[in-house]
Amino acid sequence: PTYALISDSFKNWRGMMSSGGRRIKRSISIKMDS
């Protein structure tokens, strides 16, 4: 429903698409005793 766009929260990826790149945000968990 069109009115759901102003009453609920949603994510628009336009900012990412119009920017110079797409974010990479990922980690590797290292074993502490190594």
PDB file of all heavy atoms in Angstrom:
ATOM      1  N   PRO A   1       0.843  -1.211   0.000  1.00  0.00           N
ATOM      2  CA  PRO A   1       0.000   0.000   0.000  1.00  0.00           C
ATOM      3  C   PRO A   1       0.873   1.254   0.000  1.00  0.00           C
ATOM      4  O   PRO A   1       1.879   1.325   0.717  1.00  0.00           O
ATOM      5  CB  PRO A   1      -0.793  -0.125   1.314  1.00  0.00           C
ATOM      6  CG  PRO A   1      -0.727  -1.575   1.677  1.00  0.00           C
ATOM      7  CD  PRO A   1       0.590  -2.074   1.169  1.00  0.00           C
ATOM      8  N   THR A   2       0.507   2.225  -0.813  1.00  0.00           N
ATOM      9  CA  THR A   2       1.322   3.433  -0.928  1.00  0.00           C
ATOM     10  C   THR A   2       1.472   4.136   0.417  1.00  0.00           C
ATOM     11  O   THR A   2       2.554   4.647   0.750  1.00  0.00           O
ATOM     12  CB  THR A   2       0.704   4.398  -1.957  1.00  0.00           C
ATOM     13  OG1 THR A   2       0.506   3.703  -3.192  1.00  0.00           O
ATOM     14  CG2 THR A   2       1.611   5.586  -2.206  1.00  0.00           C
ATOM     15  N   TYR A   3       0.400   4.174   1.208  1.00  0.00           N
ATOM     16  CA  TYR A   3       0.484   4.890   2.484  1.00  0.00           C
ATOM     17  C   TYR A   3       1.399   4.183   3.479  1.00  0.00           C
ATOM     18  O   TYR A   3       1.816   4.787   4.473  1.00  0.00           O
ATOM     19  CB  TYR A   3      -0.904   5.120   3.089  1.00  0.00           C
ATOM     20  CG  TYR A   3      -1.730   3.886   3.348  1.00  0.00           C
ATOM     21  CD1 TYR A   3      -1.523   3.102   4.476  1.00  0.00           C
ATOM     22  CD2 TYR A   3      -2.738   3.512   2.472  1.00  0.00           C
ATOM     23  CE1 TYR A   3      -2.283   1.973   4.708  1.00  0.00           C
ATOM     24  CE2 TYR A   3      -3.514   2.373   2.702  1.00  0.00           C
ATOM     25  CZ  TYR A   3      -3.274   1.611   3.828  1.00  0.00           C
ATOM     26  OH  TYR A   3      -4.020   0.496   4.051  1.00  0.00           O
ATOM     27  N   ALA A   4       1.741   2.886   3.228  1.00  0.00           N
ATOM     28  CA  ALA A   4       2.669   2.181   4.115  1.00  0.00           C
ATOM     29  C   ALA A   4       4.078   2.763   4.010  1.00  0.00           C
ATOM     30  O   ALA A   4       4.875   2.653   4.951  1.00  0.00           O
ATOM     31  CB  ALA A   4       2.692   0.691   3.775  1.00  0.00           C
ATOM     32  N   LEU A   5       4.393   3.413   2.881  1.00  0.00           N
ATOM     33  CA  LEU A   5       5.725   3.990   2.698  1.00  0.00           C
ATOM     34  C   LEU A   5       5.966   5.165   3.630  1.00  0.00           C
ATOM     35  O   LEU A   5       7.125   5.502   3.924  1.00  0.00           O
ATOM     36  CB  LEU A   5       5.906   4.435   1.248  1.00  0.00           C
ATOM     37  CG  LEU A   5       5.850   3.325   0.188  1.00  0.00           C
ATOM     38  CD1 LEU A   5       5.987   3.915  -1.204  1.00  0.00           C
ATOM     39  CD2 LEU A   5       6.936   2.285   0.428  1.00  0.00           C
ATOM     40  N   ILE A   6       4.880   5.814   4.084  1.00  0.00           N
ATOM     41  CA  ILE A   6       5.061   6.946   4.995  1.00  0.00           C
ATOM     42  C   ILE A   6       4.693   6.596   6.433  1.00  0.00           C
ATOM     43  O   ILE A   6       4.973   7.376   7.346  1.00  0.00           O
ATOM     44  CB  ILE A   6       4.229   8.168   4.533  1.00  0.00           C
ATOM     45  CG1 ILE A   6       2.742   7.829   4.528  1.00  0.00           C
ATOM     46  CG2 ILE A   6       4.683   8.654   3.177  1.00  0.00           C
ATOM     47  CD1 ILE A   6       1.849   9.017   4.220  1.00  0.00           C
ATOM     48  N   SER A   7       4.083   5.439   6.631  1.00  0.00           N
ATOM     49  CA  SER A   7       3.686   5.049   7.986  1.00  0.00           C
ATOM     50  C   SER A   7       4.611   3.997   8.587  1.00  0.00           C
ATOM     51  O   SER A   7       4.658   3.833   9.800  1.00  0.00           O
ATOM     52  CB  SER A   7       2.248   4.524   7.990  1.00  0.00           C
ATOM     53  OG  SER A   7       2.121   3.369   7.160  1.00  0.00           O
ATOM     54  N   ASP A   8       5.357   3.261   7.747  1.00  0.00           N
ATOM     55  CA  ASP A   8       6.273   2.231   8.220  1.00  0.00           C
ATOM     56  C   ASP A   8       7.685   2.514   7.731  1.00  0.00           C
ATOM     57  O   ASP A   8       7.902   3.375   6.875  1.00  0.00           O
ATOM     58  CB  ASP A   8       5.827   0.841   7.728  1.00  0.00           C
ATOM     59  CG  ASP A   8       4.488   0.428   8.319  1.00  0.00           C
ATOM     60  OD1 ASP A   8       4.308   0.598   9.536  1.00  0.00           O
ATOM     61  OD2 ASP A   8       3.614  -0.032   7.565  1.00  0.00           O
ATOM     62  N   SER A   9       8.632   1.775   8.301  1.00  0.00           N
ATOM     63  CA  SER A   9      10.037   1.961   7.960  1.00  0.00           C
ATOM     64  C   SER A   9      10.464   0.967   6.886  1.00  0.00           C
ATOM     65  O   SER A   9      10.107  -0.215   6.943  1.00  0.00           O
ATOM     66  CB  SER A   9      10.906   1.770   9.210  1.00  0.00           C
ATOM     67  OG  SER A   9      12.279   1.857   8.888  1.00  0.00           O
ATOM     68  N   PHE A  10      11.206   1.446   5.894  1.00  0.00           N
ATOM     69  CA  PHE A  10      11.746   0.586   4.851  1.00  0.00           C
ATOM     70  C   PHE A  10      13.115   1.119   4.449  1.00  0.00           C
ATOM     71  O   PHE A  10      13.480   2.244   4.777  1.00  0.00           O
ATOM     72  CB  PHE A  10      10.804   0.531   3.639  1.00  0.00           C
ATOM     73  CG  PHE A  10      10.723   1.811   2.867  1.00  0.00           C
ATOM     74  CD1 PHE A  10      11.480   2.014   1.726  1.00  0.00           C
ATOM     75  CD2 PHE A  10       9.868   2.836   3.287  1.00  0.00           C
ATOM     76  CE1 PHE A  10      11.405   3.200   1.018  1.00  0.00           C
ATOM     77  CE2 PHE A  10       9.786   4.016   2.580  1.00  0.00           C
ATOM     78  CZ  PHE A  10      10.558   4.203   1.451  1.00  0.00           C
ATOM     79  N   LYS A  11      13.869   0.305   3.738  1.00  0.00           N
ATOM     80  CA  LYS A  11      15.223   0.686   3.328  1.00  0.00           C
ATOM     81  C   LYS A  11      15.259   0.901   1.820  1.00  0.00           C
ATOM     82  O   LYS A  11      14.820   0.049   1.053  1.00  0.00           O
ATOM     83  CB  LYS A  11      16.229  -0.397   3.717  1.00  0.00           C
ATOM     84  CG  LYS A  11      17.688  -0.046   3.383  1.00  0.00           C
ATOM     85  CD  LYS A  11      18.625  -1.180   3.740  1.00  0.00           C
ATOM     86  CE  LYS A  11      18.758  -1.336   5.237  1.00  0.00           C
ATOM     87  NZ  LYS A  11      19.769  -2.360   5.597  1.00  0.00           N
ATOM     88  N   ASN A  12      15.771   2.066   1.426  1.00  0.00           N
ATOM     89  CA  ASN A  12      15.934   2.391   0.010  1.00  0.00           C
ATOM     90  C   ASN A  12      17.435   2.402  -0.291  1.00  0.00           C
ATOM     91  O   ASN A  12      18.195   3.156   0.328  1.00  0.00           O
ATOM     92  CB  ASN A  12      15.315   3.753  -0.307  1.00  0.00           C
ATOM     93  CG  ASN A  12      15.233   4.011  -1.801  1.00  0.00           C
ATOM     94  OD1 ASN A  12      16.046   3.522  -2.572  1.00  0.00           O
ATOM     95  ND2 ASN A  12      14.251   4.779  -2.228  1.00  0.00           N
ATOM     96  N   TRP A  13      17.850   1.571  -1.264  1.00  0.00           N
ATOM     97  CA  TRP A  13      19.273   1.418  -1.584  1.00  0.00           C
ATOM     98  C   TRP A  13      19.739   2.407  -2.651  1.00  0.00           C
ATOM     99  O   TRP A  13      20.835   2.250  -3.200  1.00  0.00           O
ATOM    100  CB  TRP A  13      19.534  -0.003  -2.062  1.00  0.00           C
ATOM    101  CG  TRP A  13      19.284  -1.053  -1.022  1.00  0.00           C
ATOM    102  CD1 TRP A  13      18.085  -1.632  -0.721  1.00  0.00           C
ATOM    103  CD2 TRP A  13      20.240  -1.650  -0.138  1.00  0.00           C
ATOM    104  NE1 TRP A  13      18.230  -2.553   0.294  1.00  0.00           N
ATOM    105  CE2 TRP A  13      19.543  -2.591   0.665  1.00  0.00           C
ATOM    106  CE3 TRP A  13      21.614  -1.490   0.047  1.00  0.00           C
ATOM    107  CZ2 TRP A  13      20.177  -3.356   1.625  1.00  0.00           C
ATOM    108  CZ3 TRP A  13      22.233  -2.257   1.002  1.00  0.00           C
ATOM    109  CH2 TRP A  13      21.527  -3.174   1.793  1.00  0.00           C
ATOM    110  N   ARG A  14      18.912   3.414  -2.953  1.00  0.00           N
ATOM    111  CA  ARG A  14      19.270   4.345  -4.023  1.00  0.00           C
ATOM    112  C   ARG A  14      20.586   5.063  -3.756  1.00  0.00           C
ATOM    113  O   ARG A  14      21.391   5.304  -4.656  1.00  0.00           O
ATOM    114  CB  ARG A  14      18.165   5.375  -4.215  1.00  0.00           C
ATOM    115  CG  ARG A  14      18.380   6.271  -5.445  1.00  0.00           C
ATOM    116  CD  ARG A  14      17.577   7.552  -5.351  1.00  0.00           C
ATOM    117  NE  ARG A  14      16.194   7.278  -4.989  1.00  0.00           N
ATOM    118  CZ  ARG A  14      15.406   8.195  -4.446  1.00  0.00           C
ATOM    119  NH1 ARG A  14      15.877   9.407  -4.181  1.00  0.00           N
ATOM    120  NH2 ARG A  14      14.155   7.910  -4.142  1.00  0.00           N
ATOM    121  N   GLY A  15      20.804   5.450  -2.475  1.00  0.00           N
ATOM    122  CA  GLY A  15      22.038   6.155  -2.127  1.00  0.00           C
ATOM    123  C   GLY A  15      23.268   5.340  -2.467  1.00  0.00           C
ATOM    124  O   GLY A  15      24.261   5.870  -2.991  1.00  0.00           O
ATOM    125  N   MET A  16      23.207   4.043  -2.196  1.00  0.00           N
ATOM    126  CA  MET A  16      24.328   3.172  -2.526  1.00  0.00           C
ATOM    127  C   MET A  16      24.497   3.055  -4.030  1.00  0.00           C
ATOM    128  O   MET A  16      25.612   3.130  -4.560  1.00  0.00           O
ATOM    129  CB  MET A  16      24.100   1.790  -1.904  1.00  0.00           C
ATOM    130  CG  MET A  16      25.201   0.776  -2.185  1.00  0.00           C
ATOM    131  SD  MET A  16      24.981  -0.143  -3.728  1.00  0.00           S
ATOM    132  CE  MET A  16      23.509  -1.073  -3.358  1.00  0.00           C
ATOM    133  N   MET A  17      23.367   2.897  -4.740  1.00  0.00           N
ATOM    134  CA  MET A  17      23.430   2.721  -6.186  1.00  0.00           C
ATOM    135  C   MET A  17      23.947   3.964  -6.897  1.00  0.00           C
ATOM    136  O   MET A  17      24.595   3.866  -7.939  1.00  0.00           O
ATOM    137  CB  MET A  17      22.047   2.349  -6.718  1.00  0.00           C
ATOM    138  CG  MET A  17      21.488   1.034  -6.175  1.00  0.00           C
ATOM    139  SD  MET A  17      22.534  -0.394  -6.525  1.00  0.00           S
ATOM    140  CE  MET A  17      22.309  -0.538  -8.297  1.00  0.00           C
ATOM    141  N   SER A  18      23.654   5.142  -6.341  1.00  0.00           N
ATOM    142  CA  SER A  18      24.096   6.384  -6.983  1.00  0.00           C
ATOM    143  C   SER A  18      25.485   6.813  -6.523  1.00  0.00           C
ATOM    144  O   SER A  18      26.037   7.775  -7.043  1.00  0.00           O
ATOM    145  CB  SER A  18      23.090   7.510  -6.691  1.00  0.00           C
ATOM    146  OG  SER A  18      22.988   7.736  -5.299  1.00  0.00           O
ATOM    147  N   SER A  19      26.050   6.113  -5.535  1.00  0.00           N
ATOM    148  CA  SER A  19      27.389   6.447  -5.048  1.00  0.00           C
ATOM    149  C   SER A  19      28.440   5.759  -5.916  1.00  0.00           C
ATOM    150  O   SER A  19      28.130   5.083  -6.891  1.00  0.00           O
ATOM    151  CB  SER A  19      27.542   6.003  -3.588  1.00  0.00           C
ATOM    152  OG  SER A  19      27.522   4.596  -3.489  1.00  0.00           O
ATOM    153  N   GLY A  20      29.709   5.908  -5.508  1.00  0.00           N
ATOM    154  CA  GLY A  20      30.791   5.337  -6.306  1.00  0.00           C
ATOM    155  C   GLY A  20      31.085   3.891  -6.013  1.00  0.00           C
ATOM    156  O   GLY A  20      31.973   3.298  -6.641  1.00  0.00           O
ATOM    157  N   GLY A  21      30.406   3.292  -5.042  1.00  0.00           N
ATOM    158  CA  GLY A  21      30.708   1.902  -4.718  1.00  0.00           C
ATOM    159  C   GLY A  21      29.672   1.293  -3.798  1.00  0.00           C
ATOM    160  O   GLY A  21      28.814   1.992  -3.243  1.00  0.00           O
ATOM    161  N   ARG A  22      29.792  -0.024  -3.639  1.00  0.00           N
ATOM    162  CA  ARG A  22      28.891  -0.754  -2.746  1.00  0.00           C
ATOM    163  C   ARG A  22      29.687  -1.267  -1.552  1.00  0.00           C
ATOM    164  O   ARG A  22      30.750  -1.872  -1.718  1.00  0.00           O
ATOM    165  CB  ARG A  22      28.245  -1.917  -3.502  1.00  0.00           C
ATOM    166  CG  ARG A  22      27.202  -2.662  -2.680  1.00  0.00           C
ATOM    167  CD  ARG A  22      26.417  -3.598  -3.560  1.00  0.00           C
ATOM    168  NE  ARG A  22      25.397  -4.313  -2.801  1.00  0.00           N
ATOM    169  CZ  ARG A  22      24.514  -5.152  -3.324  1.00  0.00           C
ATOM    170  NH1 ARG A  22      24.530  -5.378  -4.622  1.00  0.00           N
ATOM    171  NH2 ARG A  22      23.625  -5.755  -2.569  1.00  0.00           N
ATOM    172  N   ARG A  23      29.157  -1.042  -0.373  1.00  0.00           N
ATOM    173  CA  ARG A  23      29.929  -1.274   0.842  1.00  0.00           C
ATOM    174  C   ARG A  23      30.178  -2.758   1.107  1.00  0.00           C
ATOM    175  O   ARG A  23      29.285  -3.589   0.996  1.00  0.00           O
ATOM    176  CB  ARG A  23      29.211  -0.658   2.037  1.00  0.00           C
ATOM    177  CG  ARG A  23      30.023  -0.693   3.316  1.00  0.00           C
ATOM    178  CD  ARG A  23      29.258  -0.129   4.471  1.00  0.00           C
ATOM    179  NE  ARG A  23      28.160  -1.009   4.867  1.00  0.00           N
ATOM    180  CZ  ARG A  23      27.392  -0.814   5.932  1.00  0.00           C
ATOM    181  NH1 ARG A  23      27.586   0.248   6.690  1.00  0.00           N
ATOM    182  NH2 ARG A  23      26.418  -1.652   6.213  1.00  0.00           N
ATOM    183  N   ILE A  24      31.432  -3.036   1.485  1.00  0.00           N
ATOM    184  CA  ILE A  24      31.812  -4.350   1.998  1.00  0.00           C
ATOM    185  C   ILE A  24      32.081  -4.177   3.486  1.00  0.00           C
ATOM    186  O   ILE A  24      32.941  -3.374   3.880  1.00  0.00           O
ATOM    187  CB  ILE A  24      33.066  -4.894   1.286  1.00  0.00           C
ATOM    188  CG1 ILE A  24      32.783  -5.100  -0.201  1.00  0.00           C
ATOM    189  CG2 ILE A  24      33.545  -6.178   1.940  1.00  0.00           C
ATOM    190  CD1 ILE A  24      34.011  -5.485  -1.005  1.00  0.00           C
ATOM    191  N   LYS A  25      31.378  -4.890   4.312  1.00  0.00           N
ATOM    192  CA  LYS A  25      31.543  -4.801   5.768  1.00  0.00           C
ATOM    193  C   LYS A  25      31.393  -6.214   6.340  1.00  0.00           C
ATOM    194  O   LYS A  25      30.312  -6.654   6.676  1.00  0.00           O
ATOM    195  CB  LYS A  25      30.503  -3.852   6.373  1.00  0.00           C
ATOM    196  CG  LYS A  25      30.676  -3.557   7.852  1.00  0.00           C
ATOM    197  CD  LYS A  25      29.641  -2.510   8.304  1.00  0.00           C
ATOM    198  CE  LYS A  25      29.805  -2.144   9.768  1.00  0.00           C
ATOM    199  NZ  LYS A  25      29.404  -3.283  10.653  1.00  0.00           N
ATOM    200  N   ARG A  26      32.533  -6.905   6.415  1.00  0.00           N
ATOM    201  CA  ARG A  26      32.518  -8.287   6.871  1.00  0.00           C
ATOM    202  C   ARG A  26      33.805  -8.552   7.661  1.00  0.00           C
ATOM    203  O   ARG A  26      34.841  -7.946   7.400  1.00  0.00           O
ATOM    204  CB  ARG A  26      32.405  -9.237   5.691  1.00  0.00           C
ATOM    205  CG  ARG A  26      32.311 -10.699   6.082  1.00  0.00           C
ATOM    206  CD  ARG A  26      32.163 -11.592   4.867  1.00  0.00           C
ATOM    207  NE  ARG A  26      30.841 -11.460   4.250  1.00  0.00           N
ATOM    208  CZ  ARG A  26      30.436 -12.179   3.217  1.00  0.00           C
ATOM    209  NH1 ARG A  26      31.258 -13.070   2.675  1.00  0.00           N
ATOM    210  NH2 ARG A  26      29.222 -12.015   2.715  1.00  0.00           N
ATOM    211  N   SER A  27      33.731  -9.457   8.600  1.00  0.00           N
ATOM    212  CA  SER A  27      34.881  -9.708   9.480  1.00  0.00           C
ATOM    213  C   SER A  27      35.254 -11.181   9.518  1.00  0.00           C
ATOM    214  O   SER A  27      34.448 -12.056   9.182  1.00  0.00           O
ATOM    215  CB  SER A  27      34.578  -9.213  10.895  1.00  0.00           C
ATOM    216  OG  SER A  27      33.467  -9.910  11.436  1.00  0.00           O
ATOM    217  N   ILE A  28      36.523 -11.419   9.925  1.00  0.00           N
ATOM    218  CA  ILE A  28      37.023 -12.764  10.202  1.00  0.00           C
ATOM    219  C   ILE A  28      37.307 -12.840  11.694  1.00  0.00           C
ATOM    220  O   ILE A  28      38.008 -11.979  12.235  1.00  0.00           O
ATOM    221  CB  ILE A  28      38.319 -13.061   9.419  1.00  0.00           C
ATOM    222  CG1 ILE A  28      38.091 -12.907   7.922  1.00  0.00           C
ATOM    223  CG2 ILE A  28      38.842 -14.455   9.742  1.00  0.00           C
ATOM    224  CD1 ILE A  28      39.363 -13.075   7.112  1.00  0.00           C
ATOM    225  N   SER A  29      36.807 -13.862  12.365  1.00  0.00           N
ATOM    226  CA  SER A  29      37.058 -14.034  13.800  1.00  0.00           C
ATOM    227  C   SER A  29      38.306 -14.892  13.999  1.00  0.00           C
ATOM    228  O   SER A  29      38.364 -16.043  13.546  1.00  0.00           O
ATOM    229  CB  SER A  29      35.849 -14.683  14.480  1.00  0.00           C
ATOM    230  OG  SER A  29      34.761 -13.795  14.487  1.00  0.00           O
ATOM    231  N   ILE A  30      39.298 -14.309  14.657  1.00  0.00           N
ATOM    232  CA  ILE A  30      40.580 -14.978  14.889  1.00  0.00           C
ATOM    233  C   ILE A  30      40.570 -15.651  16.257  1.00  0.00           C
ATOM    234  O   ILE A  30      40.136 -15.053  17.251  1.00  0.00           O
ATOM    235  CB  ILE A  30      41.749 -13.980  14.799  1.00  0.00           C
ATOM    236  CG1 ILE A  30      41.699 -13.211  13.468  1.00  0.00           C
ATOM    237  CG2 ILE A  30      43.084 -14.683  14.975  1.00  0.00           C
ATOM    238  CD1 ILE A  30      41.850 -14.075  12.250  1.00  0.00           C
ATOM    239  N   LYS A  31      41.083 -16.863  16.293  1.00  0.00           N
ATOM    240  CA  LYS A  31      41.197 -17.588  17.559  1.00  0.00           C
ATOM    241  C   LYS A  31      42.220 -16.891  18.454  1.00  0.00           C
ATOM    242  O   LYS A  31      43.354 -16.639  18.034  1.00  0.00           O
ATOM    243  CB  LYS A  31      41.615 -19.022  17.273  1.00  0.00           C
ATOM    244  CG  LYS A  31      41.426 -19.975  18.430  1.00  0.00           C
ATOM    245  CD  LYS A  31      41.728 -21.391  17.986  1.00  0.00           C
ATOM    246  CE  LYS A  31      41.517 -22.371  19.125  1.00  0.00           C
ATOM    247  NZ  LYS A  31      41.809 -23.768  18.692  1.00  0.00           N
ATOM    248  N   MET A  32      41.828 -16.568  19.699  1.00  0.00           N
ATOM    249  CA  MET A  32      42.672 -15.738  20.566  1.00  0.00           C
ATOM    250  C   MET A  32      44.009 -16.388  20.899  1.00  0.00           C
ATOM    251  O   MET A  32      45.053 -15.711  20.913  1.00  0.00           O
ATOM    252  CB  MET A  32      41.917 -15.418  21.863  1.00  0.00           C
ATOM    253  CG  MET A  32      40.798 -14.411  21.697  1.00  0.00           C
ATOM    254  SD  MET A  32      40.138 -13.899  23.280  1.00  0.00           S
ATOM    255  CE  MET A  32      38.754 -12.913  22.762  1.00  0.00           C
ATOM    256  N   ASP A  33      44.010 -17.691  21.187  1.00  0.00           N
ATOM    257  CA  ASP A  33      45.262 -18.309  21.620  1.00  0.00           C
ATOM    258  C   ASP A  33      46.233 -18.562  20.469  1.00  0.00           C
ATOM    259  O   ASP A  33      47.311 -19.125  20.672  1.00  0.00           O
ATOM    260  CB  ASP A  33      45.001 -19.611  22.391  1.00  0.00           C
ATOM    261  CG  ASP A  33      44.211 -20.616  21.574  1.00  0.00           C
ATOM    262  OD1 ASP A  33      44.051 -20.388  20.362  1.00  0.00           O
ATOM    263  OD2 ASP A  33      43.732 -21.610  22.151  1.00  0.00           O
ATOM    264  N   SER A  34      45.858 -18.132  19.253  1.00  0.00           N
ATOM    265  CA  SER A  34      46.808 -18.215  18.141  1.00  0.00           C
ATOM    266  C   SER A  34      47.578 -16.911  17.957  1.00  0.00           C
ATOM    267  O   SER A  34      48.469 -16.835  17.102  1.00  0.00           O
ATOM    268  CB  SER A  34      46.076 -18.577  16.844  1.00  0.00           C
ATOM    269  OG  SER A  34      45.233 -17.520  16.415  1.00  0.00           O
TER     270      SER A  34
END
